Amino acid sequence: MSVGSARLSMALLIAAPFAAAPLSAQGVEYAAGTTRYRISTMTKGTQSSPMATGNFEVGLQQQVTVNLMKHAKDTVMATITIDSIALKSSGPAPDVSKLVGRHWVSLVSPTGKFYSTKAVDGAVDPALAQITEGVSHILPQYRANLATGMTWADTVSGKLNQQGMDLERTSVTNYRVAGDTTIGGQRALRVQRIANVKAAGSGTMQNTPVTMETVGTSTGAFFLTPKGVYLGGTNTDDVNLKITILAQNTEITIKQIAQTTTEAIK
């Protein structure tokens, strides 16, 4: 496994106030319908190893279509299609064009709790796993009875496979409904979130046995209408990561900051 490939793999790991009475959303659930989104992520970081230290930048631009429909009383089915994608990197980059037109089906609760996801068109290149995982988790989770000033916390633990590594990940997220705003002529609640995330595991990356440990914070906000339409959001992920190449007993450390903006588009 090269230092450059490790750097890129980790780098892929994403209105104006409305002067009226405070908005609330009682019993809101994700609404059936189709929305297109533009997702822009810029990642900047530094990687250090016994051989060298260097900086890197990765820019990712995507447009996706999300179709929501009721699947069962307690389940919403999201069919997600990547319409376009472009990746720019200061180092080697995988071919992302193979993702255009690909579909995923994610099952979530009516308020966005993630259940499962499946690639409709077959297995995806492991080198692109971070991108596809982000797309399949595009819908944020929230509480049904939202009102300005409301706060809550959620803890999510689970396993995932990225780049051939089996990871155990835990995130603790604190939410606060900060108020309401208007986006594209639609009134929406602004929900702020702060998450602490830890992950660790082992596996192979480019046929090389490795272990990985990562600790990070994620801050941002998302916007949701009282009718259950997700209008996008912003997020900043600050991540510290350590990869150990077992055969060489060599450590690679990476510090990166990724800023993501998601916008609903016509």
Protein backbone atom coordinates (compact mmCIF):
# COMPACT_ATOMS: atom_id res chain seq x y z
CA MET A 1 0.00 0.00 0.00
CA SER A 2 1.42 3.37 -1.00
CA VAL A 3 1.36 6.49 1.13
CA GLY A 4 -0.48 8.34 -1.65
CA SER A 5 -3.26 5.78 -1.89
CA ALA A 6 -3.77 5.82 1.88
CA ARG A 7 -4.05 9.60 1.77
CA LEU A 8 -6.76 9.55 -0.91
CA SER A 9 -8.68 6.72 0.73
CA MET A 10 -8.99 8.65 3.96
CA ALA A 11 -9.78 11.94 2.24
CA LEU A 12 -12.87 10.40 0.67
CA LEU A 13 -14.01 9.47 4.27
CA ILE A 14 -18.90 14.68 4.17
CA ALA A 15 -30.70 31.52 3.84
CA ALA A 16 -32.06 34.25 5.27
CA PRO A 17 -33.98 34.49 8.58
CA PHE A 18 -37.79 34.50 8.35
CA ALA A 19 -39.24 37.15 10.62
CA ALA A 20 -42.39 35.37 11.77
CA ALA A 21 -43.68 33.26 14.62
CA PRO A 22 -41.36 30.35 15.54
CA LEU A 23 -41.94 27.36 13.27
CA SER A 24 -42.68 23.92 14.69
CA ALA A 25 -43.30 20.56 13.06
CA GLN A 26 -45.52 18.17 14.95
CA GLY A 27 -45.38 14.54 13.85
CA VAL A 28 -43.34 15.37 10.75
CA GLU A 29 -42.18 12.41 8.65
CA TYR A 30 -40.21 12.21 5.42
CA ALA A 31 -42.63 12.91 2.58
CA ALA A 32 -43.00 10.80 -0.53
CA GLY A 33 -41.59 12.49 -3.61
CA THR A 34 -38.44 13.14 -5.62
CA THR A 35 -35.72 15.73 -4.89
CA ARG A 36 -32.38 16.36 -6.56
CA TYR A 37 -29.35 17.43 -4.53
CA ARG A 38 -25.98 19.00 -5.26
CA ILE A 39 -23.28 17.77 -2.83
CA SER A 40 -19.91 19.54 -2.67
CA THR A 41 -17.07 18.34 -0.43
CA MET A 42 -13.60 19.84 -0.06
CA THR A 43 -11.08 17.92 2.03
CA LYS A 44 -7.70 19.31 3.10
CA GLY A 45 -5.21 17.49 5.26
CA THR A 46 -1.72 16.46 6.21
CA GLN A 47 -0.25 12.98 6.16
CA SER A 48 2.88 11.90 8.04
CA SER A 49 4.89 8.69 7.81
CA PRO A 50 8.51 7.67 8.50
CA MET A 51 9.22 8.40 4.83
CA ALA A 52 7.70 11.85 4.41
CA THR A 53 5.13 14.44 5.41
CA GLY A 54 2.87 16.07 2.88
CA ASN A 55 -0.32 17.99 2.36
CA PHE A 56 -3.24 16.96 0.19
CA GLU A 57 -6.53 18.28 -1.18
CA VAL A 58 -9.49 16.38 -2.59
CA GLY A 59 -12.58 17.99 -4.12
CA LEU A 60 -15.73 15.97 -4.78
CA GLN A 61 -18.80 17.25 -6.65
CA GLN A 62 -21.97 15.16 -6.99
CA GLN A 63 -25.54 15.49 -8.13
CA VAL A 64 -27.95 12.84 -6.91
CA THR A 65 -31.67 12.14 -7.21
CA VAL A 66 -33.54 10.82 -4.17
CA ASN A 67 -36.98 9.26 -4.56
CA LEU A 68 -38.89 8.56 -1.34
CA MET A 69 -41.87 6.29 -0.94
CA LYS A 70 -43.64 4.58 1.94
CA HIS A 71 -42.40 1.00 2.15
CA ALA A 72 -44.24 -0.03 5.32
CA LYS A 73 -45.90 1.70 8.27
CA ASP A 74 -42.55 2.22 9.98
CA THR A 75 -40.29 2.29 6.91
CA VAL A 76 -39.47 4.74 4.12
CA MET A 77 -37.65 3.49 1.01
CA ALA A 78 -35.16 5.89 -0.56
CA THR A 79 -34.00 5.11 -4.09
CA ILE A 80 -30.83 7.12 -4.69
CA THR A 81 -29.24 7.66 -8.10
CA ILE A 82 -25.91 9.33 -8.83
CA ASP A 83 -26.58 11.61 -11.81
CA SER A 84 -23.09 13.11 -12.07
CA ILE A 85 -19.83 13.02 -10.15
CA ALA A 86 -16.40 14.63 -10.45
CA LEU A 87 -13.30 14.16 -8.32
CA LYS A 88 -10.21 16.36 -8.24
CA SER A 89 -7.18 15.37 -6.20
CA SER A 90 -3.65 16.59 -5.62
CA GLY A 91 -2.58 12.92 -5.86
CA PRO A 92 -3.69 9.72 -7.61
CA ALA A 93 -7.47 9.40 -7.90
CA PRO A 94 -9.78 6.46 -8.65
CA ASP A 95 -12.14 6.47 -11.63
CA VAL A 96 -15.44 7.74 -10.23
CA SER A 97 -17.18 7.88 -13.61
CA LYS A 98 -18.27 4.25 -13.14
CA LEU A 99 -20.64 5.48 -10.41
CA VAL A 100 -22.75 7.61 -12.77
CA GLY A 101 -26.19 6.07 -13.14
CA ARG A 102 -25.72 3.68 -10.24
CA HIS A 103 -28.64 3.15 -7.84
CA TRP A 104 -28.93 2.38 -4.13
CA VAL A 105 -31.99 1.54 -2.09
CA SER A 106 -31.85 2.63 1.55
CA LEU A 107 -34.48 1.79 4.14
CA VAL A 108 -34.98 4.29 6.96
CA SER A 109 -37.60 5.07 9.58
CA PRO A 110 -40.12 7.86 8.81
CA THR A 111 -37.79 10.20 10.74
CA GLY A 112 -34.57 9.04 9.09
CA LYS A 113 -33.19 6.35 11.40
CA PHE A 114 -31.01 4.23 9.14
CA TYR A 115 -31.94 0.56 8.71
CA SER A 116 -30.07 -0.78 5.68
CA THR A 117 -28.83 -0.06 2.17
CA LYS A 118 -28.23 -2.14 -0.95
CA ALA A 119 -26.60 -1.41 -4.29
CA VAL A 120 -29.17 -2.19 -6.98
CA ASP A 121 -26.60 -2.63 -9.75
CA GLY A 122 -24.25 -5.05 -7.96
CA ALA A 123 -21.09 -4.67 -5.92
CA VAL A 124 -19.17 -1.39 -5.95
CA ASP A 125 -15.40 -0.97 -6.26
CA PRO A 126 -14.07 -0.99 -2.64
CA ALA A 127 -11.91 2.02 -3.49
CA LEU A 128 -15.12 4.05 -3.81
CA ALA A 129 -16.79 2.75 -0.65
CA GLN A 130 -16.57 6.02 1.28
CA ILE A 131 -18.35 7.89 -1.51
CA THR A 132 -21.16 5.37 -1.85
CA GLU A 133 -21.64 5.12 1.91
CA GLY A 134 -22.11 8.87 2.12
CA VAL A 135 -24.67 8.84 -0.70
CA SER A 136 -26.68 6.00 0.87
CA HIS A 137 -26.85 7.95 4.19
CA ILE A 138 -27.90 11.27 2.66
CA LEU A 139 -31.05 11.68 4.79
CA PRO A 140 -30.42 13.00 8.33
CA GLN A 141 -32.16 11.57 11.37
CA TYR A 142 -34.41 13.72 13.55
CA ARG A 143 -37.24 13.61 16.10
CA ALA A 144 -40.86 13.74 14.97
CA ASN A 145 -42.06 16.69 17.11
CA LEU A 146 -39.62 19.47 16.28
CA ALA A 147 -39.81 22.92 17.84
CA THR A 148 -37.35 25.77 18.32
CA GLY A 149 -35.13 25.17 21.36
CA MET A 150 -35.69 21.40 21.42
CA THR A 151 -32.56 19.32 22.17
CA TRP A 152 -31.79 15.60 22.16
CA ALA A 153 -28.92 13.14 21.78
CA ASP A 154 -28.48 9.87 19.89
CA THR A 155 -25.80 7.18 20.06
CA VAL A 156 -25.24 4.93 17.05
CA SER A 157 -22.87 1.95 16.96
CA GLY A 158 -22.29 -0.46 14.13
CA LYS A 159 -19.92 -2.25 11.81
CA LEU A 160 -18.89 -1.17 8.35
CA ASN A 161 -16.42 -2.29 5.72
CA GLN A 162 -14.27 0.30 4.01
CA GLN A 163 -11.34 -0.34 1.73
CA GLY A 164 -11.32 -4.02 2.79
CA MET A 165 -11.22 -3.17 6.51
CA ASP A 166 -13.83 -4.20 9.06
CA LEU A 167 -14.43 -1.26 11.37
CA GLU A 168 -16.46 -0.83 14.54
CA ARG A 169 -17.78 2.74 14.68
CA THR A 170 -19.59 4.65 17.41
CA SER A 171 -20.99 8.16 17.13
CA VAL A 172 -22.62 10.30 19.82
CA THR A 173 -24.59 13.21 18.35
CA ASN A 174 -26.20 16.15 20.12
CA TYR A 175 -28.98 18.00 18.28
CA ARG A 176 -30.61 21.39 18.80
CA VAL A 177 -33.43 23.02 16.84
CA ALA A 178 -31.90 26.48 16.46
CA GLY A 179 -34.85 28.21 14.79
CA ASP A 180 -36.33 28.55 11.33
CA THR A 181 -35.29 30.07 8.03
CA THR A 182 -36.35 30.29 4.38
CA ILE A 183 -34.54 28.38 1.66
CA GLY A 184 -35.61 28.64 -1.96
CA GLY A 185 -38.93 30.11 -0.88
CA GLN A 186 -39.66 27.26 1.53
CA ARG A 187 -39.81 27.74 5.27
CA ALA A 188 -37.77 25.20 7.19
CA LEU A 189 -36.43 24.36 10.62
CA ARG A 190 -32.67 24.60 11.17
CA VAL A 191 -31.36 21.65 13.20
CA GLN A 192 -27.79 21.97 14.49
CA ARG A 193 -25.75 18.89 15.32
CA ILE A 194 -22.42 18.11 16.95
CA ALA A 195 -21.06 14.55 16.85
CA ASN A 196 -18.08 12.75 18.36
CA VAL A 197 -17.05 9.73 16.32
CA LYS A 198 -14.65 6.88 17.01
CA ALA A 199 -13.80 3.91 14.79
CA ALA A 200 -11.26 1.11 14.89
CA GLY A 201 -10.62 -2.14 13.10
CA SER A 202 -8.36 -4.14 10.85
CA GLY A 203 -8.21 -5.76 7.44
CA THR A 204 -6.34 -5.37 4.19
CA MET A 205 -5.80 -2.30 2.04
CA GLN A 206 -4.40 -3.06 -1.40
CA ASN A 207 -3.58 -6.61 -0.17
CA THR A 208 -1.60 -5.22 2.77
CA PRO A 209 -2.65 -6.13 6.35
CA VAL A 210 -3.33 -2.97 8.36
CA THR A 211 -5.10 -1.68 11.45
CA MET A 212 -6.91 1.64 11.68
CA GLU A 213 -7.95 3.96 14.49
CA THR A 214 -9.80 7.22 13.99
CA VAL A 215 -11.24 9.93 16.24
CA GLY A 216 -13.15 12.93 15.00
CA THR A 217 -15.76 15.60 15.51
CA SER A 218 -18.52 16.58 13.11
CA THR A 219 -20.41 19.87 13.32
CA GLY A 220 -23.10 21.29 11.10
CA ALA A 221 -26.79 21.86 10.49
CA PHE A 222 -29.56 20.59 8.25
CA PHE A 223 -32.87 22.05 7.07
CA LEU A 224 -36.24 20.30 7.11
CA THR A 225 -39.66 21.61 6.12
CA PRO A 226 -42.77 20.92 8.24
CA LYS A 227 -43.99 18.72 5.36
CA GLY A 228 -40.96 16.45 5.66
CA VAL A 229 -38.77 17.64 2.79
CA TYR A 230 -35.00 17.68 3.37
CA LEU A 231 -33.56 20.89 1.87
CA GLY A 232 -29.87 20.19 2.51
CA GLY A 233 -27.31 21.29 5.06
CA THR A 234 -23.68 21.93 5.90
CA ASN A 235 -21.12 19.83 7.73
CA THR A 236 -17.49 20.08 8.85
CA ASP A 237 -15.62 16.91 9.80
CA ASP A 238 -12.33 17.20 11.72
CA VAL A 239 -10.64 13.78 11.74
CA ASN A 240 -7.42 12.34 13.20
CA LEU A 241 -6.53 8.92 11.87
CA LYS A 242 -3.78 6.36 12.36
CA ILE A 243 -3.03 3.46 10.02
CA THR A 244 -0.51 0.80 11.03
CA ILE A 245 1.04 -1.33 8.28
CA LEU A 246 1.55 -4.52 10.24
CA ALA A 247 4.25 -6.21 8.14
CA GLN A 248 6.46 -3.13 8.41
CA ASN A 249 5.33 -1.97 11.85
CA THR A 250 4.94 1.45 10.22
CA GLU A 251 2.45 4.10 11.24
CA ILE A 252 0.80 6.61 8.94
CA THR A 253 -1.01 9.48 10.64
CA ILE A 254 -3.52 11.69 8.87
CA LYS A 255 -5.24 14.86 10.02
CA GLN A 256 -7.93 16.20 7.75
CA ILE A 257 -10.83 18.64 7.65
CA ALA A 258 -13.70 18.04 5.23
CA GLN A 259 -16.36 20.67 4.54
CA THR A 260 -19.57 19.50 2.87
CA THR A 261 -22.53 21.47 1.52
CA THR A 262 -25.72 19.75 0.39
CA GLU A 263 -28.32 21.77 -1.54
CA ALA A 264 -31.73 20.83 -2.88
CA ILE A 265 -31.92 21.84 -6.55
CA LYS A 266 -34.60 21.93 -9.22
